[in-house]
Amino acid sequence: DELQGLSMRSSLRFGAIADVQYADVEDTLPFAGSQLRHHRGALDGLRQAVDHWRREALDFVVDLGDMIDQQCQARGESREALARVLKAWEPVQVPVWRCIGNHELYNFTRAQLTALVPGYSPSYRCERRPGWRILFLDPYDLNVIEKGAPQRKQEGLAYLEARNPNDLRAPRGTVDCLKGLHGMDRRFAPMAGAVKPRQLRWLQTQLEEAVVAGERVVVLSHVPVHPGATATVALLWNYDQVLAVLRAVPPGTIPLFLAGHWHCGGYAEDHLTGTHHVTLPSPLNADGDPRAHCVVEVTEKEVKVQGVGLVPTRTLRVPALGKRLGRSSVRDDGMDEEARQPLFARL
């Protein structure tokens, strides 16, 4: 009873940014992309975000993944680029927690990440604050891109090749990996991944324990899981299984699911649970003003996203715990971007 009362009085306030993807290269149009990427400017955007967060009263700051770009690995500059990004993070005076993204796995093995970067391990985990659980997902539990993990990569290839007829073993960007895929099948792209059964069971257990304890939950992931909050090509491969677990707890339990990966950003409200799925845009896409970050405040009544630069400001209502929701529609503002921009411009 005491913990449940505490959960009703408390709030979370934290900073967040996604997909900095720094590389010491000129602005580029990736592959057939139409969106210019500002790799050096994104680092400046991170520095300005850190300066902002230092002036705010925050519980923690979240990096939603993709600190540096794959080009760093191709140029042999992964460690130098990472050192510059970590230097930009140093002034933050609260805990910095990180999600693993695809570009981390292009550049480093998981063992290297654990040794080099604080806040990554374990890759899926729970952090707690009074009245709250903050759950970090590993959307690359199953993948086809990971360095130094041949068994995991082969398992991922077996999964993906059963669903995608294209040459998934070719170097990234050399083939159209979505050729012949339509509708929701377009999520089966090599840049995403899946959550395996063990992690799904862990997520279910965490949510069940939160309900018993009277806690609210915030879920963080590099890859989105709601189709309305992103484009199909940027969805988790088994997004439907994750959504089923999230929807098994009473409405209002999970006010916020925060993600990155889809550089244009997006938003959807799950009509079954009232969970707000917010996808942050990347500072790579910022022209002129390099900023693309936010301060998020979550209470039992609302989610406030104080956006800066590319990130929209939002005030989102949270339903009362367990209140039955009768709506049949999903609000979103991210899906139309897929039609306007080629895949490799965005991930």
Protein backbone atom coordinates (compact mmCIF):
# COMPACT_ATOMS: atom_id res chain seq x y z
CA ASP A 1 0.00 0.00 0.00
CA GLU A 2 2.84 2.37 0.84
CA LEU A 3 4.55 1.73 -2.52
CA GLN A 4 1.26 2.11 -4.39
CA GLY A 5 0.63 5.45 -2.69
CA LEU A 6 4.14 6.54 -3.55
CA SER A 7 3.58 5.66 -7.22
CA MET A 8 0.56 7.93 -7.36
CA ARG A 9 2.53 10.86 -5.95
CA SER A 10 5.70 10.50 -7.98
CA SER A 11 6.78 11.46 -11.47
CA LEU A 12 9.72 10.82 -13.76
CA ARG A 13 11.64 13.63 -15.45
CA PHE A 14 14.39 12.77 -17.88
CA GLY A 15 16.23 13.90 -20.99
CA ALA A 16 16.25 11.91 -24.22
CA ILE A 17 17.91 11.86 -27.63
CA ALA A 18 18.10 9.29 -30.44
CA ASP A 19 20.30 8.49 -33.44
CA VAL A 20 23.15 10.99 -33.15
CA GLN A 21 25.09 8.75 -35.56
CA TYR A 22 28.17 10.95 -35.50
CA ALA A 23 30.90 10.47 -38.11
CA ASP A 24 33.69 12.85 -39.09
CA VAL A 25 32.43 13.16 -42.67
CA GLU A 26 30.84 15.80 -44.85
CA ASP A 27 27.06 15.97 -45.05
CA THR A 28 25.87 13.06 -47.18
CA LEU A 29 22.91 11.76 -49.12
CA PRO A 30 22.97 8.06 -48.16
CA PHE A 31 22.52 5.65 -51.06
CA ALA A 32 19.39 6.79 -52.95
CA GLY A 33 18.29 9.02 -50.07
CA SER A 34 16.74 12.45 -50.38
CA GLN A 35 17.33 13.58 -46.77
CA LEU A 36 20.75 15.17 -46.25
CA ARG A 37 22.50 13.77 -43.19
CA HIS A 38 24.48 16.17 -41.00
CA HIS A 39 26.89 13.83 -39.21
CA ARG A 40 29.12 16.53 -37.71
CA GLY A 41 26.15 18.75 -36.96
CA ALA A 42 24.51 15.94 -34.99
CA LEU A 43 27.43 16.00 -32.55
CA ASP A 44 26.89 19.73 -32.08
CA GLY A 45 23.23 18.97 -31.47
CA LEU A 46 24.24 16.50 -28.75
CA ARG A 47 26.50 19.09 -27.10
CA GLN A 48 23.65 21.58 -27.02
CA ALA A 49 21.34 18.92 -25.60
CA VAL A 50 23.81 18.18 -22.80
CA ASP A 51 24.10 21.90 -22.01
CA HIS A 52 20.29 22.08 -21.80
CA TRP A 53 19.96 19.00 -19.60
CA ARG A 54 22.56 20.34 -17.14
CA ARG A 55 20.20 23.23 -16.42
CA GLU A 56 17.21 20.96 -15.79
CA ALA A 57 16.27 18.95 -12.70
CA LEU A 58 16.33 15.42 -14.15
CA ASP A 59 16.28 11.89 -12.77
CA PHE A 60 18.37 10.54 -15.65
CA VAL A 61 19.08 10.95 -19.37
CA VAL A 62 18.40 8.32 -22.06
CA ASP A 63 20.40 7.75 -25.23
CA LEU A 64 18.10 5.67 -27.44
CA GLY A 65 20.95 4.24 -29.52
CA ASP A 66 23.11 4.75 -32.62
CA MET A 67 25.77 6.98 -31.05
CA ILE A 68 28.07 6.77 -34.09
CA ASP A 69 27.49 5.85 -37.74
CA GLN A 70 28.49 2.72 -39.63
CA GLN A 71 30.80 4.88 -41.75
CA CYS A 72 33.13 5.07 -38.76
CA GLN A 73 33.70 1.33 -38.97
CA ALA A 74 34.25 1.48 -42.73
CA ARG A 75 36.84 4.25 -42.23
CA GLY A 76 38.56 2.53 -39.30
CA GLU A 77 37.56 5.38 -36.97
CA SER A 78 35.07 3.73 -34.63
CA ARG A 79 37.00 4.26 -31.42
CA GLU A 80 38.00 7.84 -32.25
CA ALA A 81 34.42 8.76 -33.11
CA LEU A 82 33.09 7.09 -29.98
CA ALA A 83 35.61 8.98 -27.86
CA ARG A 84 34.36 12.30 -29.27
CA VAL A 85 30.75 11.40 -28.55
CA LEU A 86 31.49 10.19 -25.01
CA LYS A 87 33.42 13.42 -24.40
CA ALA A 88 30.28 15.36 -25.32
CA TRP A 89 28.31 13.33 -22.76
CA GLU A 90 30.75 13.94 -19.89
CA PRO A 91 29.13 17.09 -18.43
CA VAL A 92 25.84 15.28 -17.74
CA GLN A 93 25.44 15.16 -13.95
CA VAL A 94 22.73 12.48 -13.66
CA PRO A 95 22.82 8.80 -14.71
CA VAL A 96 22.99 8.23 -18.48
CA TRP A 97 21.24 5.06 -19.63
CA ARG A 98 21.55 3.70 -23.15
CA CYS A 99 19.67 1.47 -25.58
CA ILE A 100 21.57 -0.65 -28.08
CA GLY A 101 21.05 0.29 -31.74
CA ASN A 102 22.04 -1.22 -35.07
CA HIS A 103 24.94 1.18 -35.58
CA GLU A 104 26.51 0.11 -32.27
CA LEU A 105 26.53 -3.43 -33.63
CA TYR A 106 28.03 -2.34 -36.96
CA ASN A 107 30.96 -0.77 -35.09
CA PHE A 108 31.59 -2.98 -32.07
CA THR A 109 31.02 -6.38 -30.54
CA ARG A 110 28.81 -6.49 -27.47
CA ALA A 111 31.87 -7.21 -25.32
CA GLN A 112 33.61 -4.14 -26.71
CA LEU A 113 30.54 -2.00 -26.06
CA THR A 114 30.36 -3.15 -22.45
CA ALA A 115 34.03 -2.32 -21.94
CA LEU A 116 34.00 1.02 -23.75
CA VAL A 117 30.63 2.55 -22.94
CA PRO A 118 28.92 2.83 -19.55
CA GLY A 119 25.17 2.27 -19.44
CA TYR A 120 24.72 -0.45 -22.11
CA SER A 121 24.84 -3.66 -20.10
CA PRO A 122 22.86 -5.79 -19.67
CA SER A 123 21.21 -5.08 -23.01
CA TYR A 124 17.68 -5.59 -21.65
CA ARG A 125 17.17 -4.59 -18.07
CA CYS A 126 15.05 -2.81 -15.49
CA GLU A 127 15.85 0.39 -13.63
CA ARG A 128 13.59 1.51 -10.81
CA ARG A 129 12.61 4.81 -9.30
CA PRO A 130 9.98 5.26 -6.56
CA GLY A 131 6.68 4.18 -8.10
CA TRP A 132 8.22 3.44 -11.51
CA ARG A 133 9.92 0.78 -13.57
CA ILE A 134 11.97 1.81 -16.60
CA LEU A 135 12.39 -1.16 -18.92
CA PHE A 136 15.08 -1.26 -21.60
CA LEU A 137 14.51 -3.64 -24.51
CA ASP A 138 17.15 -5.22 -26.73
CA PRO A 139 15.57 -5.16 -30.22
CA TYR A 140 18.65 -6.90 -31.64
CA ASP A 141 18.32 -10.00 -29.50
CA LEU A 142 17.93 -11.65 -32.91
CA ASN A 143 19.68 -9.91 -35.82
CA VAL A 144 21.78 -10.35 -38.97
CA ILE A 145 24.29 -7.51 -38.46
CA GLU A 146 26.16 -8.21 -35.23
CA LYS A 147 29.96 -8.32 -35.16
CA GLY A 148 31.64 -11.16 -33.29
CA ALA A 149 28.50 -13.28 -32.85
CA PRO A 150 28.32 -15.80 -35.73
CA GLN A 151 25.77 -18.04 -34.03
CA ARG A 152 23.39 -15.18 -33.30
CA LYS A 153 23.88 -13.86 -36.85
CA GLN A 154 23.16 -17.28 -38.41
CA GLU A 155 20.04 -17.63 -36.28
CA GLY A 156 18.93 -14.20 -37.47
CA LEU A 157 19.61 -15.05 -41.11
CA ALA A 158 17.57 -18.24 -40.83
CA TYR A 159 14.66 -16.24 -39.41
CA LEU A 160 14.88 -13.41 -41.95
CA GLU A 161 15.57 -15.51 -45.05
CA ALA A 162 12.34 -17.41 -44.36
CA ARG A 163 10.51 -14.08 -44.68
CA ASN A 164 12.59 -12.07 -47.16
CA PRO A 165 13.58 -13.54 -50.56
CA ASN A 166 16.43 -11.10 -51.28
CA ASP A 167 20.19 -11.58 -50.88
CA LEU A 168 20.57 -10.64 -47.23
CA ARG A 169 24.24 -11.63 -47.15
CA ALA A 170 25.30 -8.95 -49.64
CA PRO A 171 27.14 -5.87 -48.27
CA ARG A 172 24.78 -3.30 -46.78
CA GLY A 173 23.34 -0.94 -49.38
CA THR A 174 24.36 -2.98 -52.43
CA VAL A 175 21.00 -4.67 -53.05
CA ASP A 176 17.36 -3.70 -52.67
CA CYS A 177 16.60 -5.69 -49.55
CA LEU A 178 12.88 -4.86 -49.77
CA LYS A 179 12.30 -5.97 -53.36
CA GLY A 180 9.10 -7.99 -53.61
CA LEU A 181 7.98 -7.22 -50.05
CA HIS A 182 4.64 -5.51 -49.52
CA GLY A 183 2.56 -4.24 -46.63
CA MET A 184 3.67 -5.36 -43.18
CA ASP A 185 6.20 -7.75 -44.74
CA ARG A 186 8.37 -4.69 -45.40
CA ARG A 187 9.44 -4.80 -41.76
CA PHE A 188 11.67 -7.77 -42.55
CA ALA A 189 14.68 -5.58 -43.36
CA PRO A 190 18.23 -6.29 -42.12
CA MET A 191 18.46 -3.04 -40.14
CA ALA A 192 15.87 -4.18 -37.60
CA GLY A 193 15.77 -7.24 -35.37
CA ALA A 194 13.59 -9.23 -33.01
CA VAL A 195 13.04 -9.92 -29.32
CA LYS A 196 13.55 -13.60 -28.52
CA PRO A 197 11.25 -15.68 -26.26
CA ARG A 198 13.43 -15.36 -23.16
CA GLN A 199 13.32 -11.58 -23.33
CA LEU A 200 9.57 -11.65 -24.00
CA ARG A 201 9.08 -13.72 -20.84
CA TRP A 202 11.26 -11.28 -18.91
CA LEU A 203 9.16 -8.37 -20.17
CA GLN A 204 5.95 -10.14 -19.19
CA THR A 205 7.30 -10.83 -15.69
CA GLN A 206 8.44 -7.24 -15.22
CA LEU A 207 5.04 -5.91 -16.20
CA GLU A 208 3.19 -8.36 -13.97
CA GLU A 209 5.40 -7.42 -11.02
CA ALA A 210 4.80 -3.72 -11.72
CA VAL A 211 1.03 -4.26 -11.62
CA VAL A 212 1.25 -6.08 -8.28
CA ALA A 213 3.48 -3.32 -6.85
CA GLY A 214 1.22 -0.53 -8.12
CA GLU A 215 4.00 0.83 -10.31
CA ARG A 216 3.79 2.61 -13.65
CA VAL A 217 6.15 1.60 -16.45
CA VAL A 218 8.13 3.41 -19.15
CA VAL A 219 9.56 1.22 -21.92
CA LEU A 220 12.62 2.28 -23.93
CA SER A 221 13.85 0.71 -27.16
CA HIS A 222 15.92 1.77 -30.14
CA VAL A 223 13.41 0.15 -32.52
CA PRO A 224 9.68 1.05 -32.39
CA VAL A 225 7.01 -1.61 -31.89
CA HIS A 226 3.82 0.24 -32.88
CA PRO A 227 3.07 0.49 -36.63
CA GLY A 228 1.52 3.93 -36.20
CA ALA A 229 4.64 5.43 -34.61
CA THR A 230 7.02 4.65 -37.46
CA ALA A 231 7.20 3.32 -40.99
CA THR A 232 6.85 -0.40 -41.62
CA VAL A 233 10.50 -0.72 -42.64
CA ALA A 234 11.59 0.50 -39.19
CA LEU A 235 9.41 -1.84 -37.11
CA LEU A 236 10.65 -4.64 -34.90
CA TRP A 237 10.35 -7.93 -36.79
CA ASN A 238 8.11 -9.45 -34.10
CA TYR A 239 6.47 -6.20 -33.03
CA ASP A 240 3.14 -8.02 -32.74
CA GLN A 241 4.44 -10.34 -30.03
CA VAL A 242 5.80 -7.42 -28.02
CA LEU A 243 2.55 -5.48 -28.38
CA ALA A 244 0.64 -8.52 -27.15
CA VAL A 245 2.71 -8.56 -23.97
CA LEU A 246 2.31 -4.81 -23.47
CA ARG A 247 -1.44 -5.08 -23.97
CA ALA A 248 -1.82 -7.86 -21.39
CA VAL A 249 -1.57 -5.43 -18.43
CA PRO A 250 -4.30 -2.97 -17.38
CA PRO A 251 -4.66 0.26 -19.40
CA GLY A 252 -2.63 3.09 -17.92
CA THR A 253 0.13 0.81 -16.63
CA ILE A 254 2.53 1.88 -19.42
CA PRO A 255 2.12 5.60 -20.12
CA LEU A 256 5.06 5.79 -22.54
CA PHE A 257 7.01 3.68 -25.03
CA LEU A 258 9.93 5.79 -26.30
CA ALA A 259 12.00 4.80 -29.35
CA GLY A 260 14.29 6.04 -32.11
CA HIS A 261 15.61 4.36 -35.32
CA TRP A 262 13.08 6.06 -37.64
CA HIS A 263 14.91 9.33 -38.27
CA CYS A 264 11.78 11.26 -39.18
CA GLY A 265 10.13 10.56 -35.82
CA GLY A 266 6.51 9.63 -35.21
CA TYR A 267 3.72 9.15 -32.72
CA ALA A 268 0.80 6.82 -32.07
CA GLU A 269 -1.54 6.15 -29.18
CA ASP A 270 -2.41 2.50 -28.61
CA HIS A 271 -6.21 2.50 -28.52
CA LEU A 272 -6.30 -0.63 -26.35
CA THR A 273 -4.02 0.54 -23.53
CA GLY A 274 -3.65 4.31 -23.79
CA THR A 275 0.13 3.87 -24.12
CA HIS A 276 1.78 6.69 -26.03
CA HIS A 277 4.35 5.46 -28.54
CA VAL A 278 6.75 8.34 -29.25
CA THR A 279 9.56 8.00 -31.80
CA LEU A 280 12.17 10.74 -31.62
CA PRO A 281 13.55 12.30 -34.83
CA SER A 282 17.31 12.24 -35.35
CA PRO A 283 19.58 15.30 -35.19
CA LEU A 284 21.06 13.96 -38.43
CA ASN A 285 18.01 15.46 -40.15
CA ALA A 286 18.36 18.90 -38.55
CA ASP A 287 19.06 21.70 -41.04
CA GLY A 288 20.46 24.92 -39.58
CA ASP A 289 19.49 24.43 -35.94
CA PRO A 290 21.22 21.12 -35.06
CA ARG A 291 19.07 20.33 -32.04
CA ALA A 292 16.75 17.32 -31.78
CA HIS A 293 16.28 16.34 -28.14
CA CYS A 294 13.72 16.63 -25.37
CA VAL A 295 12.89 16.64 -21.69
CA VAL A 296 10.15 14.16 -20.79
CA GLU A 297 7.99 14.32 -17.68
CA VAL A 298 5.70 11.37 -16.96
CA THR A 299 3.07 11.31 -14.22
CA GLU A 300 0.05 9.15 -13.52
CA LYS A 301 -2.07 11.65 -15.46
CA GLU A 302 -0.01 12.78 -18.45
CA VAL A 303 3.14 12.56 -20.52
CA LYS A 304 4.77 15.88 -21.34
CA VAL A 305 7.43 15.96 -24.05
CA GLN A 306 9.24 19.29 -24.04
CA GLY A 307 10.72 19.13 -27.51
CA VAL A 308 13.69 21.15 -28.73
CA GLY A 309 14.57 21.67 -32.38
CA LEU A 310 13.16 18.84 -34.50
CA VAL A 311 11.41 17.12 -31.59
CA PRO A 312 7.74 18.20 -31.29
CA THR A 313 6.34 19.28 -27.95
CA ARG A 314 3.44 17.09 -26.82
CA THR A 315 1.10 16.87 -23.83
CA LEU A 316 -0.52 13.43 -23.76
CA ARG A 317 -3.21 12.22 -21.38
CA VAL A 318 -2.70 8.96 -19.47
CA PRO A 319 -5.84 6.92 -18.66
CA ALA A 320 -6.66 5.96 -15.10
CA LEU A 321 -5.26 2.56 -14.16
CA GLY A 322 -7.46 -0.22 -15.47
CA LYS A 323 -9.99 2.11 -17.12
CA ARG A 324 -11.61 0.38 -20.08
CA LEU A 325 -10.85 2.15 -23.36
CA GLY A 326 -13.51 2.05 -26.04
CA ARG A 327 -11.78 3.90 -28.85
CA SER A 328 -11.19 2.10 -32.12
CA SER A 329 -8.77 4.46 -33.84
CA VAL A 330 -5.06 5.14 -33.53
CA ARG A 331 -3.65 8.64 -33.82
CA ASP A 332 -0.37 8.79 -35.67
CA ASP A 333 1.84 11.20 -37.57
CA GLY A 334 4.71 9.02 -38.73
CA MET A 335 3.50 6.60 -41.38
CA ASP A 336 3.26 9.02 -44.30
CA GLU A 337 7.02 9.58 -44.26
CA GLU A 338 7.66 6.11 -45.72
CA ALA A 339 6.15 7.08 -49.03
CA ARG A 340 8.30 10.20 -49.27
CA GLN A 341 11.76 8.90 -48.41
CA PRO A 342 13.77 5.85 -49.51
CA LEU A 343 14.69 3.31 -46.84
CA PHE A 344 18.38 4.08 -46.55
CA ALA A 345 17.69 7.80 -46.01
CA ARG A 346 16.08 6.99 -42.72
CA LEU A 347 17.88 4.26 -40.74
